[in-house]
């Protein structure tokens, strides 16, 4: 129930970011929910707290790695 940033990822590279997607009331009907579409084909989506994409320095073209 928080605003989020949606990070679209393809083959480990950020291909788009939807910033500060607002939370909605729990009783919002499905037909009133906004749809967020990736800018192209993706194989992963990362949802993080609103503003965190900027804090982490994420931008289009950035490589995403997994810390082990």
N, C-alpha and C. Protein backbone atom coordinates (compact mmCIF):
# COMPACT_ATOMS: atom_id res chain seq x y z
N UNK A 1 0.81 -1.19 0.00
CA UNK A 1 0.00 0.00 0.00
C UNK A 1 0.86 1.26 0.00
N UNK A 2 1.92 1.21 -0.79
CA UNK A 2 2.81 2.36 -0.92
C UNK A 2 2.99 2.68 -2.40
N UNK A 3 3.38 3.91 -2.67
CA UNK A 3 3.73 4.26 -4.05
C UNK A 3 5.03 3.55 -4.41
N UNK A 4 5.16 3.18 -5.69
CA UNK A 4 6.33 2.41 -6.12
C UNK A 4 6.92 2.96 -7.41
N UNK A 5 8.15 2.57 -7.67
CA UNK A 5 8.77 2.71 -8.98
C UNK A 5 8.74 1.32 -9.61
N UNK A 6 8.38 1.25 -10.88
CA UNK A 6 8.39 -0.01 -11.62
C UNK A 6 9.58 0.04 -12.57
N UNK A 7 10.47 -0.94 -12.44
CA UNK A 7 11.66 -1.00 -13.29
C UNK A 7 11.50 -2.18 -14.24
N UNK A 8 11.47 -1.88 -15.54
CA UNK A 8 11.32 -2.90 -16.57
C UNK A 8 12.71 -3.36 -17.00
N UNK A 9 12.93 -4.69 -17.03
CA UNK A 9 14.26 -5.24 -17.28
C UNK A 9 14.21 -6.29 -18.39
N UNK A 10 15.17 -6.24 -19.30
CA UNK A 10 15.32 -7.27 -20.33
C UNK A 10 16.77 -7.70 -20.36
N UNK A 11 16.99 -8.99 -20.18
CA UNK A 11 18.33 -9.59 -20.21
C UNK A 11 19.30 -8.83 -19.32
N UNK A 12 18.84 -8.46 -18.12
CA UNK A 12 19.70 -7.82 -17.14
C UNK A 12 19.94 -6.33 -17.34
N UNK A 13 19.21 -5.72 -18.28
CA UNK A 13 19.39 -4.30 -18.56
C UNK A 13 18.06 -3.56 -18.37
N UNK A 14 18.11 -2.42 -17.69
CA UNK A 14 16.92 -1.60 -17.51
C UNK A 14 16.50 -1.03 -18.86
N UNK A 15 15.24 -1.29 -19.22
CA UNK A 15 14.73 -0.77 -20.50
C UNK A 15 13.68 0.32 -20.29
N UNK A 16 13.27 0.54 -19.04
CA UNK A 16 12.32 1.59 -18.74
C UNK A 16 12.01 1.66 -17.26
N UNK A 17 11.57 2.83 -16.82
CA UNK A 17 11.19 3.02 -15.42
C UNK A 17 9.91 3.85 -15.38
N UNK A 18 8.93 3.35 -14.66
CA UNK A 18 7.71 4.10 -14.38
C UNK A 18 7.86 4.61 -12.95
N UNK A 19 8.02 5.91 -12.79
CA UNK A 19 8.35 6.48 -11.47
C UNK A 19 7.10 6.89 -10.70
N UNK A 20 7.18 6.66 -9.39
CA UNK A 20 6.16 7.12 -8.43
C UNK A 20 4.74 6.72 -8.81
N UNK A 21 4.54 5.45 -9.05
CA UNK A 21 3.20 4.92 -9.31
C UNK A 21 2.44 4.96 -7.98
N UNK A 22 1.33 5.69 -7.92
CA UNK A 22 0.63 5.85 -6.65
C UNK A 22 -0.12 4.59 -6.22
N UNK A 23 -0.25 4.45 -4.92
CA UNK A 23 -1.09 3.36 -4.40
C UNK A 23 -2.55 3.79 -4.55
N UNK A 24 -3.42 2.82 -4.58
CA UNK A 24 -4.86 3.08 -4.72
C UNK A 24 -5.59 2.42 -3.56
N UNK A 25 -6.79 2.89 -3.26
CA UNK A 25 -7.57 2.25 -2.20
C UNK A 25 -7.81 0.77 -2.52
N UNK A 26 -7.83 -0.05 -1.48
CA UNK A 26 -8.01 -1.49 -1.66
C UNK A 26 -9.30 -1.85 -2.38
N UNK A 27 -10.33 -1.04 -2.25
CA UNK A 27 -11.63 -1.37 -2.85
C UNK A 27 -11.79 -0.80 -4.26
N UNK A 28 -10.72 -0.38 -4.91
CA UNK A 28 -10.81 0.14 -6.27
C UNK A 28 -11.21 -0.98 -7.23
N UNK A 29 -12.29 -0.79 -7.99
CA UNK A 29 -12.72 -1.84 -8.93
C UNK A 29 -11.64 -2.09 -10.00
N UNK A 30 -11.56 -3.34 -10.44
CA UNK A 30 -10.55 -3.71 -11.43
C UNK A 30 -10.61 -2.84 -12.68
N UNK A 31 -11.81 -2.49 -13.12
CA UNK A 31 -11.93 -1.70 -14.36
C UNK A 31 -11.49 -0.25 -14.19
N UNK A 32 -11.17 0.14 -12.96
CA UNK A 32 -10.69 1.50 -12.70
C UNK A 32 -9.19 1.53 -12.37
N UNK A 33 -8.56 0.37 -12.37
CA UNK A 33 -7.13 0.32 -12.08
C UNK A 33 -6.34 0.75 -13.31
N UNK A 34 -5.36 1.64 -13.14
CA UNK A 34 -4.54 2.02 -14.28
C UNK A 34 -3.65 0.86 -14.71
N UNK A 35 -3.32 0.81 -15.99
CA UNK A 35 -2.43 -0.22 -16.50
C UNK A 35 -1.09 0.41 -16.85
N UNK A 36 -0.03 -0.25 -16.49
CA UNK A 36 1.32 0.22 -16.79
C UNK A 36 1.96 -0.80 -17.71
N UNK A 37 2.35 -0.35 -18.87
CA UNK A 37 2.87 -1.24 -19.91
C UNK A 37 4.36 -1.02 -20.09
N UNK A 38 5.09 -2.10 -20.23
CA UNK A 38 6.53 -1.99 -20.46
C UNK A 38 6.79 -1.33 -21.82
N UNK A 39 7.95 -0.69 -21.96
CA UNK A 39 8.26 -0.02 -23.22
C UNK A 39 8.60 -0.98 -24.36
N UNK A 40 8.65 -2.25 -24.06
CA UNK A 40 8.97 -3.28 -25.05
C UNK A 40 9.02 -4.62 -24.34
N UNK A 41 9.50 -5.65 -25.02
CA UNK A 41 9.60 -6.96 -24.38
C UNK A 41 10.52 -6.92 -23.16
N UNK A 42 10.10 -7.56 -22.08
CA UNK A 42 10.91 -7.66 -20.86
C UNK A 42 10.83 -9.08 -20.33
N UNK A 43 11.82 -9.43 -19.50
CA UNK A 43 11.78 -10.74 -18.86
C UNK A 43 11.76 -10.63 -17.35
N UNK A 44 11.75 -9.39 -16.83
CA UNK A 44 11.68 -9.19 -15.39
C UNK A 44 11.14 -7.80 -15.09
N UNK A 45 10.51 -7.69 -13.93
CA UNK A 45 10.01 -6.42 -13.44
C UNK A 45 10.41 -6.31 -11.98
N UNK A 46 10.97 -5.15 -11.63
CA UNK A 46 11.37 -4.89 -10.25
C UNK A 46 10.48 -3.79 -9.71
N UNK A 47 9.80 -4.04 -8.60
CA UNK A 47 8.97 -3.03 -7.95
C UNK A 47 9.67 -2.61 -6.67
N UNK A 48 9.97 -1.31 -6.57
CA UNK A 48 10.65 -0.79 -5.39
C UNK A 48 9.93 0.46 -4.92
N UNK A 49 10.18 0.88 -3.70
CA UNK A 49 9.53 2.06 -3.16
C UNK A 49 9.73 3.27 -4.07
N UNK A 50 8.70 4.14 -4.12
CA UNK A 50 8.76 5.33 -4.97
C UNK A 50 10.00 6.15 -4.65
N UNK A 51 10.70 6.56 -5.69
CA UNK A 51 11.90 7.36 -5.54
C UNK A 51 13.18 6.56 -5.41
N UNK A 52 13.06 5.28 -5.15
CA UNK A 52 14.26 4.45 -4.94
C UNK A 52 15.04 4.23 -6.23
N UNK A 53 14.39 4.25 -7.38
CA UNK A 53 15.12 4.09 -8.64
C UNK A 53 16.16 5.20 -8.75
N UNK A 54 15.79 6.41 -8.40
CA UNK A 54 16.73 7.53 -8.43
C UNK A 54 17.80 7.41 -7.36
N UNK A 55 17.39 6.99 -6.17
CA UNK A 55 18.35 6.81 -5.07
C UNK A 55 19.41 5.77 -5.45
N UNK A 56 18.98 4.71 -6.11
CA UNK A 56 19.90 3.64 -6.51
C UNK A 56 20.63 3.96 -7.82
N UNK A 57 20.29 5.08 -8.45
CA UNK A 57 20.95 5.47 -9.68
C UNK A 57 20.53 4.66 -10.89
N UNK A 58 19.34 4.05 -10.82
CA UNK A 58 18.87 3.24 -11.95
C UNK A 58 18.40 4.14 -13.08
N UNK A 59 18.77 3.79 -14.29
CA UNK A 59 18.33 4.52 -15.48
C UNK A 59 18.34 3.57 -16.66
N UNK A 60 17.68 3.97 -17.74
CA UNK A 60 17.64 3.12 -18.93
C UNK A 60 19.06 2.83 -19.40
N UNK A 61 19.29 1.57 -19.75
CA UNK A 61 20.60 1.14 -20.21
C UNK A 61 21.48 0.60 -19.10
N UNK A 62 21.07 0.81 -17.85
CA UNK A 62 21.84 0.36 -16.68
C UNK A 62 21.76 -1.16 -16.55
N UNK A 63 22.89 -1.80 -16.28
CA UNK A 63 22.91 -3.24 -16.04
C UNK A 63 22.50 -3.52 -14.60
N UNK A 64 21.69 -4.55 -14.43
CA UNK A 64 21.26 -4.99 -13.11
C UNK A 64 21.99 -6.27 -12.78
N UNK A 65 22.60 -6.34 -11.61
CA UNK A 65 23.29 -7.56 -11.19
C UNK A 65 22.71 -8.01 -9.87
N UNK A 66 22.82 -9.27 -9.62
CA UNK A 66 22.32 -9.85 -8.36
C UNK A 66 23.50 -10.07 -7.44
N UNK A 67 23.39 -9.51 -6.23
CA UNK A 67 24.44 -9.76 -5.22
C UNK A 67 24.22 -11.13 -4.64
N UNK A 68 25.25 -11.87 -4.54
CA UNK A 68 25.15 -13.23 -4.01
C UNK A 68 25.41 -13.22 -2.52
